[in-house]
């Protein structure tokens, strides 16, 4: 329940403090007097959207503070948020709105603790619910209508929704795992095809010796120069051992040198080592000559072998370009992809098992959704009867109402699209409420809907903004009685122009605008005293003042007949409250 509302520099309000009470609290006043500003302040302190326009002209800071009482469930929730109660039962919510040169800033606190918007949204749902005549958007939202229906059903539906939420989460995980596995399988098969091709290609290449390409290139050079090598080897042989002309060969010269040194050793044995070297050189030269001669004689042109070598070199170079760049690296890559191919063939959990798991989760989800659908259908029938009964006293005796439940794919909230269908006149077909209901009909529908939720609505305070606009006296009286009925279960704040509604209030406030002079002796730029418009609220505790306000609402002036009518309204309201209590 909202106990007190303090407002500073908010729109046309400079300073205001309102003390509300239990039961039905009513705000009245002329159109444009500022009643909606007070409701905007309540919305703002509970985290509603604000703009720079809410800051009073000439100031840079606005502040709204609300003092609420806490229920045990709300106290437990605050404890979970690590927020302590004040005096074990009070919640003080404040919001400071500051304007800067470039933007607007706001900070919300709960019992002095700075909180974010998410906490404020959750707290708002537990404290206050605001209903206005133009609240057709929520009625047209299937999600909101679904929540209302499940709230009306109570714990059975809410617990089943938890079951569905768990089942939906499990299904989503199974579906995600399956899709991920399918994607992985596609990638695995693509990689498998690629590696299979590469392994086959490298296997066919028969790679074994990292030096094979280098050796083949050497062989190709030899085969390409057979004639040159034959000629040069013969030339070397002649130079070393057997010359065809008169010029002596290297072997001949070494033989002459050996003979001379042999004679010299007879006179000087110290030359023996040189003689031995000459003899060794002669032996080595003879061996070189023999081998070069053999090499030259063995050389033979082989075009077929040359073609084979060229083909193999081209093959190996192609392998190196694709898997190298060197043959050593190509062989290493071949060994690597053989291991990868073996790993890919030994793949993980099969798609079939994941499909079975997904189907099992989906079946469990659909079963849970079906159970909730049955609960909703049963609840819908009860709500239809109850709501029609609540609408009949509001001059809608012939109204038809139905909760339409249509199947949709399963979600975390079930598998139902829920629409309120409505027909206010006999013979007219049921149509979506938001498409057919007039403003007055929507007002009465919303009020009747709230009456259905008197026992289950979590919010301690219900706010109605001119929900009785455009209705006749008889309907206004019915609305007044409904509001009083709601006030037995919730604190009700209501902005109204209807004297019948205002007369039923437990607390009555008059809102009006006043023009004040700001600061003694302060002059405006034109030399005149500066004047400002402010909103003032008067609690009509005095019976005379209250009669005058009701007379103003009823007749526009405090004439005797208007006063008498106001007194009759107060008496009628008192009798109604007494009859409800007895």
Protein backbone atom coordinates (compact mmCIF):
# COMPACT_ATOMS: atom_id res chain seq x y z
CA UNK A 1 0.00 0.00 0.00
CA UNK A 2 1.18 3.52 -0.85
CA UNK A 3 1.31 5.50 2.39
CA UNK A 4 2.95 8.73 1.29
CA UNK A 5 4.05 10.41 -1.92
CA UNK A 6 6.54 13.29 -1.91
CA UNK A 7 7.19 15.26 -5.08
CA UNK A 8 9.70 18.05 -5.80
CA UNK A 9 10.09 20.07 -9.01
CA UNK A 10 8.12 17.58 -11.09
CA UNK A 11 6.29 19.21 -14.04
CA UNK A 12 4.04 21.89 -12.47
CA UNK A 13 4.56 20.60 -8.94
CA UNK A 14 7.12 22.54 -6.90
CA UNK A 15 6.62 20.71 -3.62
CA UNK A 16 3.88 18.29 -2.65
CA UNK A 17 3.34 15.64 0.00
CA UNK A 18 0.30 13.38 -0.08
CA UNK A 19 -0.71 10.91 2.60
CA UNK A 20 -2.92 8.14 1.23
CA UNK A 21 -4.93 5.64 3.21
CA UNK A 22 -6.43 2.20 2.84
CA UNK A 23 -9.59 1.71 0.80
CA UNK A 24 -10.68 4.01 -2.03
CA UNK A 25 -8.64 7.19 -2.55
CA UNK A 26 -10.09 9.62 -5.11
CA UNK A 27 -8.52 12.58 -6.91
CA UNK A 28 -10.87 15.13 -8.47
CA UNK A 29 -10.42 18.50 -10.12
CA UNK A 30 -11.00 20.42 -13.31
CA UNK A 31 -9.63 19.13 -16.58
CA UNK A 32 -5.96 20.13 -16.77
CA UNK A 33 -5.71 20.73 -13.03
CA UNK A 34 -2.78 18.32 -12.73
CA UNK A 35 -4.36 15.07 -11.59
CA UNK A 36 -2.48 13.07 -14.22
CA UNK A 37 0.80 14.66 -13.10
CA UNK A 38 0.39 12.93 -9.75
CA UNK A 39 -0.16 9.58 -11.47
CA UNK A 40 2.86 10.31 -13.69
CA UNK A 41 4.90 10.85 -10.54
CA UNK A 42 3.78 7.48 -9.17
CA UNK A 43 4.74 5.90 -12.49
CA UNK A 44 8.11 7.67 -12.44
CA UNK A 45 9.07 6.62 -8.93
CA UNK A 46 8.38 3.01 -9.92
CA UNK A 47 10.79 3.15 -12.86
CA UNK A 48 8.53 4.48 -15.64
CA UNK A 49 9.99 6.32 -18.61
CA UNK A 50 10.67 10.03 -18.10
CA UNK A 51 11.87 12.89 -20.26
CA UNK A 52 13.38 16.30 -19.56
CA UNK A 53 9.84 17.76 -19.60
CA UNK A 54 9.11 16.30 -16.15
CA UNK A 55 11.71 18.61 -14.58
CA UNK A 56 10.09 21.85 -13.50
CA UNK A 57 11.08 24.85 -15.62
CA UNK A 58 13.91 26.80 -14.03
CA UNK A 59 15.30 23.80 -12.15
CA UNK A 60 17.69 20.97 -13.08
CA UNK A 61 16.59 18.31 -10.61
CA UNK A 62 13.30 16.58 -9.84
CA UNK A 63 12.68 14.09 -7.06
CA UNK A 64 9.82 11.70 -6.34
CA UNK A 65 9.65 9.50 -3.24
CA UNK A 66 7.05 6.91 -2.30
CA UNK A 67 6.62 5.20 1.05
CA UNK A 68 4.99 1.76 0.84
CA UNK A 69 4.11 -0.99 3.28
CA UNK A 70 5.51 -4.45 2.58
CA UNK A 71 3.68 -7.77 2.56
CA UNK A 72 5.52 -10.90 3.80
CA UNK A 73 6.14 -12.21 0.23
CA UNK A 74 7.47 -8.80 -0.80
CA UNK A 75 9.70 -8.65 2.29
CA UNK A 76 11.13 -12.07 1.38
CA UNK A 77 11.79 -10.91 -2.19
CA UNK A 78 13.59 -7.79 -0.94
CA UNK A 79 15.76 -9.97 1.30
CA UNK A 80 16.76 -11.98 -1.78
CA UNK A 81 17.79 -8.67 -3.41
CA UNK A 82 19.86 -7.85 -0.28
CA UNK A 83 17.64 -4.88 0.57
CA UNK A 84 16.64 -4.42 4.23
CA UNK A 85 13.23 -3.19 5.31
CA UNK A 86 12.79 0.00 7.31
CA UNK A 87 11.05 -0.60 10.64
CA UNK A 88 10.46 -4.20 9.49
CA UNK A 89 7.54 -3.13 7.29
CA UNK A 90 8.35 -0.04 5.21
CA UNK A 91 9.77 0.44 1.74
CA UNK A 92 10.98 3.88 0.70
CA UNK A 93 11.50 4.22 -3.04
CA UNK A 94 13.05 7.39 -4.41
CA UNK A 95 13.98 8.54 -7.88
CA UNK A 96 16.14 11.53 -8.64
CA UNK A 97 15.93 12.95 -12.18
CA UNK A 98 18.65 15.39 -13.25
CA UNK A 99 18.93 17.37 -16.47
CA UNK A 100 22.35 18.05 -18.00
CA UNK A 101 23.33 20.02 -21.07
CA UNK A 102 23.22 16.90 -23.26
CA UNK A 103 20.86 14.37 -21.67
CA UNK A 104 18.80 13.37 -18.67
CA UNK A 105 19.94 11.14 -15.84
CA UNK A 106 17.98 9.34 -13.16
CA UNK A 107 18.85 7.21 -10.14
CA UNK A 108 16.50 4.95 -8.23
CA UNK A 109 16.98 3.83 -4.64
CA UNK A 110 15.08 1.35 -2.51
CA UNK A 111 15.59 1.90 1.20
CA UNK A 112 18.74 3.81 0.32
CA UNK A 113 20.17 1.07 -1.92
CA UNK A 114 20.90 2.10 -5.52
CA UNK A 115 19.05 -0.32 -7.86
CA UNK A 116 18.88 -0.88 -11.61
CA UNK A 117 15.86 -0.81 -13.91
CA UNK A 118 15.37 -4.59 -13.81
CA UNK A 119 14.89 -4.52 -10.03
CA UNK A 120 12.48 -1.60 -10.32
CA UNK A 121 10.36 -3.39 -12.93
CA UNK A 122 10.12 -6.46 -10.70
CA UNK A 123 9.31 -4.30 -7.65
CA UNK A 124 6.69 -2.31 -9.56
CA UNK A 125 4.77 -5.49 -10.42
CA UNK A 126 4.62 -6.30 -6.71
CA UNK A 127 3.47 -2.86 -5.57
CA UNK A 128 1.28 -0.97 -8.03
CA UNK A 129 -0.84 -1.71 -11.09
CA UNK A 130 -2.03 1.22 -13.19
CA UNK A 131 -5.16 0.86 -15.34
CA UNK A 132 -6.32 3.52 -17.78
CA UNK A 133 -9.15 3.76 -20.31
CA UNK A 134 -6.65 3.67 -23.15
CA UNK A 135 -5.08 0.45 -21.91
CA UNK A 136 -6.06 -1.44 -25.04
CA UNK A 137 -2.54 -2.46 -26.00
CA UNK A 138 -2.16 -4.94 -23.16
CA UNK A 139 -5.61 -6.42 -23.76
CA UNK A 140 -4.59 -7.06 -27.36
CA UNK A 141 -1.33 -8.77 -26.46
CA UNK A 142 -1.67 -12.54 -26.38
CA UNK A 143 1.20 -12.82 -23.88
CA UNK A 144 -0.50 -10.45 -21.42
CA UNK A 145 -3.89 -12.12 -21.84
CA UNK A 146 -2.22 -15.50 -21.33
CA UNK A 147 -0.61 -14.28 -18.11
CA UNK A 148 -3.95 -12.98 -16.84
CA UNK A 149 -5.61 -16.31 -17.55
CA UNK A 150 -2.85 -18.28 -15.82
CA UNK A 151 -2.90 -15.88 -12.87
CA UNK A 152 -6.64 -16.42 -12.55
CA UNK A 153 -6.10 -20.19 -12.58
CA UNK A 154 -3.71 -19.89 -9.66
CA UNK A 155 -0.94 -22.26 -8.58
CA UNK A 156 -1.94 -25.19 -10.81
CA UNK A 157 -1.29 -23.28 -14.05
CA UNK A 158 1.71 -21.40 -12.71
CA UNK A 159 3.36 -24.64 -11.57
CA UNK A 160 2.60 -26.29 -14.91
CA UNK A 161 4.23 -23.33 -16.63
CA UNK A 162 7.37 -24.06 -14.63
CA UNK A 163 7.23 -27.67 -15.83
CA UNK A 164 6.88 -26.42 -19.42
CA UNK A 165 9.72 -23.95 -19.01
CA UNK A 166 12.00 -26.77 -17.85
CA UNK A 167 10.84 -29.07 -20.67
CA UNK A 168 11.26 -26.29 -23.24
CA UNK A 169 14.80 -25.62 -22.05
CA UNK A 170 15.64 -29.32 -22.33
CA UNK A 171 14.13 -29.45 -25.83
CA UNK A 172 16.09 -26.37 -26.91
CA UNK A 173 19.32 -27.93 -25.67
CA UNK A 174 18.56 -31.20 -27.49
CA UNK A 175 17.63 -29.32 -30.66
CA UNK A 176 20.78 -27.19 -30.47
CA UNK A 177 22.94 -30.28 -29.94
CA UNK A 178 21.31 -31.97 -32.93
CA UNK A 179 21.75 -28.96 -35.21
CA UNK A 180 25.31 -28.54 -34.05
CA UNK A 181 25.94 -32.23 -34.72
CA UNK A 182 24.33 -31.96 -38.14
CA UNK A 183 26.52 -29.01 -38.97
CA UNK A 184 29.51 -30.87 -37.60
CA UNK A 185 28.53 -33.93 -39.64
CA UNK A 186 28.36 -31.89 -42.81
CA UNK A 187 31.74 -30.43 -42.07
CA UNK A 188 33.08 -33.87 -41.11
CA UNK A 189 31.89 -35.43 -44.37
CA UNK A 190 33.33 -32.57 -46.37
CA UNK A 191 36.65 -32.92 -44.55
CA UNK A 192 36.47 -36.68 -44.92
CA UNK A 193 36.04 -36.36 -48.70
CA UNK A 194 38.94 -33.95 -48.93
CA UNK A 195 41.32 -35.99 -46.80
CA UNK A 196 40.35 -39.23 -48.52
CA UNK A 197 41.21 -37.69 -51.87
CA UNK A 198 44.48 -36.28 -50.57
CA UNK A 199 45.54 -39.53 -48.91
CA UNK A 200 44.75 -41.46 -52.08
CA UNK A 201 46.72 -39.00 -54.19
CA UNK A 202 49.74 -39.07 -51.88
CA UNK A 203 49.53 -42.84 -51.54
CA UNK A 204 49.55 -43.23 -55.33
CA UNK A 205 52.59 -40.96 -55.48
CA UNK A 206 54.47 -43.60 -53.45
CA UNK A 207 56.50 -41.16 -51.42
CA UNK A 208 59.28 -42.66 -49.35
CA UNK A 209 62.65 -40.93 -49.88
CA UNK A 210 62.81 -37.19 -49.09
CA UNK A 211 65.89 -36.96 -51.42
CA UNK A 212 64.18 -38.60 -54.39
CA UNK A 213 63.49 -35.38 -56.27
CA UNK A 214 67.05 -34.18 -55.90
CA UNK A 215 68.44 -37.53 -57.08
CA UNK A 216 66.10 -37.62 -60.04
CA UNK A 217 67.14 -34.13 -61.07
CA UNK A 218 70.76 -35.26 -60.99
CA UNK A 219 69.93 -38.33 -63.09
CA UNK A 220 68.08 -36.17 -65.60
CA UNK A 221 71.16 -33.98 -66.01
CA UNK A 222 73.32 -37.06 -66.63
CA UNK A 223 70.91 -38.52 -69.18
CA UNK A 224 70.62 -35.21 -70.97
CA UNK A 225 74.45 -34.94 -71.33
CA UNK A 226 75.53 -38.53 -72.13
CA UNK A 227 77.54 -37.58 -75.27
CA UNK A 228 79.28 -34.71 -73.52
CA UNK A 229 80.16 -36.91 -70.58
CA UNK A 230 81.52 -39.63 -72.89
CA UNK A 231 83.73 -37.17 -74.73
CA UNK A 232 84.99 -35.51 -71.59
CA UNK A 233 85.71 -38.82 -69.83
CA UNK A 234 87.73 -40.04 -72.84
CA UNK A 235 89.61 -36.76 -72.88
CA UNK A 236 90.40 -37.09 -69.18
CA UNK A 237 91.54 -40.68 -69.72
CA UNK A 238 93.94 -39.61 -72.45
CA UNK A 239 95.30 -36.75 -70.41
CA UNK A 240 95.90 -39.00 -67.44
CA UNK A 241 97.01 -42.26 -68.95
CA UNK A 242 97.15 -42.77 -72.71
CA UNK A 243 97.55 -39.87 -75.09
CA UNK A 244 96.95 -40.46 -78.79
CA UNK A 245 99.35 -37.74 -79.95
CA UNK A 246 103.05 -37.35 -79.25
CA UNK A 247 102.42 -35.33 -76.06
CA UNK A 248 103.21 -37.29 -72.92
CA UNK A 249 100.31 -38.17 -70.52
CA UNK A 250 100.27 -37.45 -66.83
CA UNK A 251 101.14 -41.09 -66.20
CA UNK A 252 104.18 -40.79 -68.49
CA UNK A 253 105.38 -37.67 -66.72
CA UNK A 254 104.91 -39.27 -63.31
CA UNK A 255 106.88 -42.32 -64.56
CA UNK A 256 109.78 -40.11 -65.66
CA UNK A 257 109.69 -38.31 -62.29
CA UNK A 258 109.66 -41.62 -60.44
CA UNK A 259 112.75 -42.89 -62.42
CA UNK A 260 114.69 -39.68 -61.67
CA UNK A 261 113.86 -39.77 -57.96
CA UNK A 262 114.79 -43.47 -57.84
CA UNK A 263 118.32 -42.58 -59.14
CA UNK A 264 118.56 -39.71 -56.66
CA UNK A 265 117.74 -41.94 -53.69
CA UNK A 266 120.85 -44.02 -54.43
CA UNK A 267 122.89 -40.94 -53.50
CA UNK A 268 120.56 -39.49 -50.85
CA UNK A 269 118.28 -41.83 -49.00
CA UNK A 270 116.56 -38.81 -47.40
CA UNK A 271 114.57 -38.43 -50.65
CA UNK A 272 112.84 -41.78 -50.13
CA UNK A 273 109.60 -40.22 -48.78
CA UNK A 274 109.27 -38.15 -51.94
CA UNK A 275 109.79 -41.23 -54.04
CA UNK A 276 107.05 -42.98 -52.10
CA UNK A 277 104.69 -40.06 -52.73
CA UNK A 278 105.39 -40.17 -56.42
CA UNK A 279 104.69 -43.91 -56.50
CA UNK A 280 101.39 -43.39 -54.57
CA UNK A 281 100.38 -40.66 -56.97
CA UNK A 282 101.15 -42.91 -59.89
CA UNK A 283 98.98 -45.65 -58.41
CA UNK A 284 96.08 -43.20 -57.72
CA UNK A 285 96.35 -41.70 -61.20
CA UNK A 286 96.26 -45.13 -62.77
CA UNK A 287 93.12 -45.97 -60.77
CA UNK A 288 91.44 -42.70 -61.75
CA UNK A 289 92.28 -43.32 -65.39
CA UNK A 290 90.86 -46.83 -65.18
CA UNK A 291 87.61 -45.71 -63.53
CA UNK A 292 87.06 -42.78 -65.85
CA UNK A 293 87.59 -45.06 -68.79
CA UNK A 294 85.10 -47.56 -67.39
CA UNK A 295 82.63 -44.71 -66.71
CA UNK A 296 82.92 -43.40 -70.22
CA UNK A 297 82.45 -46.84 -71.73
CA UNK A 298 79.39 -47.47 -69.55
CA UNK A 299 77.60 -44.32 -70.63
CA UNK A 300 74.71 -45.01 -72.97
CA UNK A 301 71.86 -42.83 -74.20
CA UNK A 302 68.45 -43.99 -72.78
CA UNK A 303 65.53 -41.84 -74.05
CA UNK A 304 62.92 -44.05 -72.34
CA UNK A 305 64.57 -43.71 -68.95
CA UNK A 306 64.93 -39.96 -69.49
CA UNK A 307 61.18 -39.73 -70.19
CA UNK A 308 60.42 -41.73 -67.03
CA UNK A 309 62.63 -39.44 -64.96
CA UNK A 310 61.03 -36.31 -66.43
CA UNK A 311 57.54 -37.65 -65.69
CA UNK A 312 58.45 -38.53 -62.11
CA UNK A 313 60.00 -35.11 -61.56
CA UNK A 314 56.81 -33.41 -62.82
CA UNK A 315 54.70 -35.59 -60.51
CA UNK A 316 56.84 -34.83 -57.46
CA UNK A 317 56.90 -31.11 -58.19
CA UNK A 318 53.09 -31.12 -58.45
CA UNK A 319 52.93 -32.88 -55.07
CA UNK A 320 55.31 -30.27 -53.61
CA UNK A 321 53.21 -27.38 -54.92
CA UNK A 322 50.04 -28.83 -53.31
CA UNK A 323 51.43 -30.26 -50.09
CA UNK A 324 55.02 -28.96 -49.76
CA UNK A 325 56.74 -26.80 -50.63
CA UNK A 326 59.45 -29.40 -50.22
CA UNK A 327 59.17 -33.16 -50.64
CA UNK A 328 60.12 -33.60 -46.99
CA UNK A 329 57.14 -31.42 -45.94
CA UNK A 330 54.81 -33.24 -48.36
CA UNK A 331 55.74 -36.60 -46.77
CA UNK A 332 55.16 -35.10 -43.28
CA UNK A 333 51.71 -33.80 -44.38
CA UNK A 334 50.84 -37.23 -45.75
CA UNK A 335 51.57 -38.83 -42.37
CA UNK A 336 49.52 -36.12 -40.61
CA UNK A 337 46.35 -36.45 -42.70
CA UNK A 338 46.45 -40.23 -42.38
CA UNK A 339 46.02 -39.73 -38.61
CA UNK A 340 43.27 -37.11 -39.14
CA UNK A 341 41.41 -39.42 -41.51
CA UNK A 342 41.48 -42.19 -38.93
CA UNK A 343 40.08 -39.79 -36.30
CA UNK A 344 37.27 -38.62 -38.60
CA UNK A 345 36.22 -42.18 -39.28
CA UNK A 346 35.94 -42.72 -35.54
CA UNK A 347 33.29 -39.95 -35.13
CA UNK A 348 31.23 -38.99 -32.08
CA UNK A 349 27.65 -39.66 -31.05
CA UNK A 350 25.51 -40.52 -34.04
CA UNK A 351 22.88 -38.18 -35.45
CA UNK A 352 20.27 -40.89 -35.03
CA UNK A 353 20.68 -40.96 -31.25
CA UNK A 354 20.50 -37.16 -31.05
CA UNK A 355 17.35 -37.17 -33.17
CA UNK A 356 15.80 -39.67 -30.80
CA UNK A 357 16.79 -37.50 -27.85
CA UNK A 358 15.28 -34.39 -29.47
CA UNK A 359 12.05 -36.23 -30.23
CA UNK A 360 11.80 -37.49 -26.66
CA UNK A 361 12.26 -33.94 -25.32
CA UNK A 362 9.71 -32.58 -27.81
CA UNK A 363 7.18 -35.25 -26.87
CA UNK A 364 7.64 -34.40 -23.19
CA UNK A 365 7.21 -30.71 -23.98
CA UNK A 366 4.04 -31.24 -26.02
CA UNK A 367 2.57 -33.42 -23.29
CA UNK A 368 3.25 -30.71 -20.70
CA UNK A 369 1.76 -28.05 -23.03
CA UNK A 370 -1.32 -30.21 -23.60
CA UNK A 371 -1.87 -30.47 -19.86
CA UNK A 372 -1.60 -26.70 -19.49
CA UNK A 373 -3.98 -26.19 -22.42
CA UNK A 374 -6.58 -28.33 -20.65
CA UNK A 375 -6.10 -26.31 -17.47
CA UNK A 376 -6.46 -23.09 -19.44
CA UNK A 377 -9.64 -24.26 -21.14
CA UNK A 378 -11.14 -25.13 -17.78
CA UNK A 379 -10.03 -21.80 -16.33
CA UNK A 380 -11.32 -19.94 -19.40
CA UNK A 381 -14.82 -21.30 -18.85
CA UNK A 382 -14.74 -20.13 -15.22
CA UNK A 383 -13.36 -16.70 -16.15
CA UNK A 384 -15.99 -16.28 -18.87
CA UNK A 385 -18.82 -16.87 -16.41
CA UNK A 386 -17.25 -14.69 -13.72
CA UNK A 387 -16.45 -11.80 -16.05
CA UNK A 388 -19.93 -11.78 -17.59
CA UNK A 389 -21.36 -11.69 -14.05
CA UNK A 390 -19.10 -8.71 -13.22
CA UNK A 391 -20.10 -6.89 -16.43
CA UNK A 392 -23.86 -7.22 -15.99
CA UNK A 393 -24.12 -4.68 -13.14
CA UNK A 394 -22.14 -2.28 -15.35
CA UNK A 395 -25.08 -1.96 -17.80
CA UNK A 396 -23.79 -4.73 -20.05
CA UNK A 397 -26.52 -7.29 -19.42
CA UNK A 398 -26.45 -8.77 -22.93
CA UNK A 399 -22.70 -8.98 -23.32
CA UNK A 400 -21.06 -12.12 -24.64
CA UNK A 401 -17.46 -12.94 -23.74
CA UNK A 402 -15.23 -15.85 -24.67
CA UNK A 403 -11.59 -16.75 -24.13
CA UNK A 404 -10.37 -18.11 -27.46
CA UNK A 405 -7.49 -20.59 -27.16
CA UNK A 406 -5.78 -21.39 -30.46
CA UNK A 407 -2.83 -23.78 -30.91
CA UNK A 408 0.65 -22.47 -31.73
CA UNK A 409 4.08 -24.17 -31.79
CA UNK A 410 5.26 -24.96 -28.24
CA UNK A 411 7.08 -22.21 -26.37
CA UNK A 412 8.38 -21.78 -22.85
CA UNK A 413 4.91 -20.48 -21.94
CA UNK A 414 2.89 -23.24 -23.55
CA UNK A 415 1.38 -23.85 -26.97
CA UNK A 416 -1.60 -21.50 -26.89
CA UNK A 417 -2.49 -18.15 -28.40
CA UNK A 418 -5.14 -16.61 -26.19
CA UNK A 419 -7.52 -13.85 -27.30
CA UNK A 420 -10.37 -12.15 -25.49
CA UNK A 421 -13.43 -12.30 -27.77
CA UNK A 422 -16.28 -9.87 -27.13
CA UNK A 423 -19.76 -9.00 -28.33
CA UNK A 424 -21.61 -6.22 -26.46
CA UNK A 425 -24.82 -6.43 -28.47
CA UNK A 426 -27.20 -9.37 -29.11
CA UNK A 427 -26.99 -10.83 -32.59
CA UNK A 428 -23.45 -9.59 -33.20
CA UNK A 429 -20.65 -12.17 -33.61
CA UNK A 430 -17.78 -12.47 -31.19
CA UNK A 431 -14.77 -10.44 -32.27
CA UNK A 432 -11.42 -9.57 -30.65
CA UNK A 433 -12.09 -7.20 -27.77
CA UNK A 434 -9.63 -4.53 -28.94
CA UNK A 435 -11.27 -4.34 -32.36
CA UNK A 436 -14.88 -3.91 -31.28
CA UNK A 437 -15.10 -2.40 -27.77
CA UNK A 438 -15.78 1.32 -27.43
CA UNK A 439 -13.91 3.46 -24.91
CA UNK A 440 -16.65 3.16 -22.32
CA UNK A 441 -17.01 -0.56 -22.89
CA UNK A 442 -13.26 -1.03 -22.55
CA UNK A 443 -13.32 0.93 -19.27
CA UNK A 444 -16.00 -1.29 -17.83
CA UNK A 445 -14.31 -4.43 -19.14
CA UNK A 446 -11.01 -3.53 -17.48
CA UNK A 447 -12.74 -2.76 -14.21
CA UNK A 448 -14.67 -6.03 -14.33
CA UNK A 449 -11.45 -7.88 -15.15
CA UNK A 450 -9.73 -6.37 -12.12
CA UNK A 451 -12.72 -7.40 -10.00
CA UNK A 452 -12.13 -10.99 -11.10
CA UNK A 453 -8.56 -10.78 -9.80
CA UNK A 454 -9.27 -9.31 -6.39
CA UNK A 455 -8.00 -12.45 -4.63
CA UNK A 456 -5.00 -13.18 -6.86
CA UNK A 457 -3.57 -9.77 -7.86
CA UNK A 458 -0.13 -9.40 -6.29
CA UNK A 459 -0.10 -5.59 -6.43
CA UNK A 460 -1.18 -3.94 -3.19
CA UNK A 461 -2.23 -0.70 -4.89
CA UNK A 462 -4.50 -0.39 -7.93
CA UNK A 463 -4.53 2.90 -9.81
CA UNK A 464 -7.38 3.83 -12.18
CA UNK A 465 -6.96 6.89 -14.40
CA UNK A 466 -10.36 8.25 -15.49
CA UNK A 467 -11.67 4.76 -16.13
CA UNK A 468 -15.22 6.13 -15.80
CA UNK A 469 -15.03 8.67 -18.64
CA UNK A 470 -17.97 8.62 -21.02
CA UNK A 471 -20.41 6.60 -18.94
CA UNK A 472 -23.90 7.48 -17.75
CA UNK A 473 -25.04 8.06 -14.20
CA UNK A 474 -26.36 4.53 -13.70
CA UNK A 475 -23.17 3.01 -15.06
CA UNK A 476 -21.11 5.48 -13.02
CA UNK A 477 -22.85 4.27 -9.89
CA UNK A 478 -22.06 0.67 -10.83
CA UNK A 479 -18.41 1.61 -11.43
CA UNK A 480 -18.29 3.36 -8.05
CA UNK A 481 -19.58 0.22 -6.34
CA UNK A 482 -17.04 -1.93 -8.21
CA UNK A 483 -14.21 0.36 -7.17
CA UNK A 484 -15.37 0.20 -3.57
CA UNK A 485 -15.57 -3.58 -3.85
CA UNK A 486 -11.96 -3.66 -5.08
CA UNK A 487 -10.89 -1.38 -2.23
CA UNK A 488 -11.87 -4.12 0.23
CA UNK A 489 -8.92 -6.15 -1.08
CA UNK A 490 -6.53 -3.50 -2.38
CA UNK A 491 -5.72 0.12 -1.87
CA UNK A 492 -7.38 1.91 -4.81
CA UNK A 493 -6.31 5.29 -6.23
CA UNK A 494 -8.74 6.74 -8.75
CA UNK A 495 -8.78 9.90 -10.85
CA UNK A 496 -12.41 10.71 -11.68
CA UNK A 497 -14.82 13.38 -12.88
CA UNK A 498 -17.83 11.44 -11.67
CA UNK A 499 -19.46 12.68 -8.41
CA UNK A 500 -20.98 9.23 -7.91
CA UNK A 501 -17.50 7.70 -7.82
CA UNK A 502 -16.00 10.49 -5.71
CA UNK A 503 -18.76 10.16 -3.14
CA UNK A 504 -17.83 6.53 -2.56
CA UNK A 505 -14.22 7.42 -1.57
CA UNK A 506 -12.72 6.75 1.82
CA UNK A 507 -10.32 9.65 1.18
CA UNK A 508 -11.01 12.50 -1.21
CA UNK A 509 -8.40 14.89 -2.65
CA UNK A 510 -9.05 17.98 -4.75
CA UNK A 511 -6.39 18.95 -7.29
CA UNK A 512 -6.20 22.45 -8.73
CA UNK A 513 -3.76 24.92 -10.21
CA UNK A 514 -2.73 28.10 -8.48
CA UNK A 515 -0.67 31.09 -9.57
CA UNK A 516 1.89 32.16 -7.01
CA UNK A 517 4.43 34.95 -6.78
CA UNK A 518 7.93 33.53 -6.55
CA UNK A 519 10.10 35.26 -3.96
CA UNK A 520 9.39 38.55 -2.24
CA UNK A 521 10.43 41.54 -4.27
CA UNK A 522 11.67 39.40 -7.17
CA UNK A 523 10.98 41.03 -10.49
CA UNK A 524 10.78 39.63 -13.97
CA UNK A 525 12.72 41.08 -16.88
CA UNK A 526 9.82 43.39 -17.76
CA UNK A 527 9.76 44.82 -14.22
CA UNK A 528 6.69 42.92 -13.04
CA UNK A 529 6.60 40.46 -10.17
CA UNK A 530 7.48 36.90 -11.39
CA UNK A 531 4.51 34.54 -11.22
CA UNK A 532 4.47 30.76 -11.59
CA UNK A 533 1.76 28.13 -11.94
CA UNK A 534 1.82 25.32 -9.38
CA UNK A 535 -0.33 22.28 -8.62
CA UNK A 536 -1.86 22.11 -5.17
CA UNK A 537 -3.75 19.19 -3.58
CA UNK A 538 -6.23 19.56 -0.75
CA UNK A 539 -7.39 16.65 1.39
CA UNK A 540 -11.14 17.10 1.76
CA UNK A 541 -11.42 15.81 5.31
CA UNK A 542 -13.93 18.52 6.15
CA UNK A 543 -17.44 17.39 5.21
CA UNK A 544 -18.48 20.85 4.05
CA UNK A 545 -15.59 21.15 1.64
CA UNK A 546 -16.26 17.70 0.33
CA UNK A 547 -19.93 18.52 -0.29
CA UNK A 548 -18.86 21.62 -2.19
CA UNK A 549 -16.46 19.63 -4.37
CA UNK A 550 -19.14 17.04 -5.17
CA UNK A 551 -21.54 19.85 -5.96
CA UNK A 552 -18.98 21.34 -8.32
CA UNK A 553 -18.59 17.96 -10.05
CA UNK A 554 -22.36 17.53 -10.30
CA UNK A 555 -23.63 21.01 -11.10
CA UNK A 556 -20.68 23.20 -11.77
CA UNK A 557 -21.53 25.60 -8.92
CA UNK A 558 -22.39 25.43 -5.23
CA UNK A 559 -26.09 26.02 -5.64
CA UNK A 560 -28.49 24.69 -3.04
CA UNK A 561 -29.78 21.92 -5.28
CA UNK A 562 -26.21 20.85 -6.13
CA UNK A 563 -25.33 20.78 -2.42
CA UNK A 564 -28.43 18.75 -1.70
CA UNK A 565 -27.48 16.35 -4.49
CA UNK A 566 -23.97 16.06 -3.05
CA UNK A 567 -25.37 15.26 0.39
CA UNK A 568 -27.59 12.59 -1.13
CA UNK A 569 -24.57 11.06 -2.85
CA UNK A 570 -22.62 10.93 0.43
CA UNK A 571 -25.58 9.39 2.22
CA UNK A 572 -26.05 6.85 -0.58
CA UNK A 573 -22.33 5.97 -0.46
CA UNK A 574 -22.43 5.57 3.31
CA UNK A 575 -25.45 3.28 3.08
CA UNK A 576 -23.70 1.17 0.42
CA UNK A 577 -20.55 0.81 2.53
CA UNK A 578 -22.65 -0.09 5.56
CA UNK A 579 -24.57 -2.73 3.62
CA UNK A 580 -21.32 -4.22 2.35
CA UNK A 581 -19.91 -4.44 5.88
CA UNK A 582 -22.98 -6.03 7.41
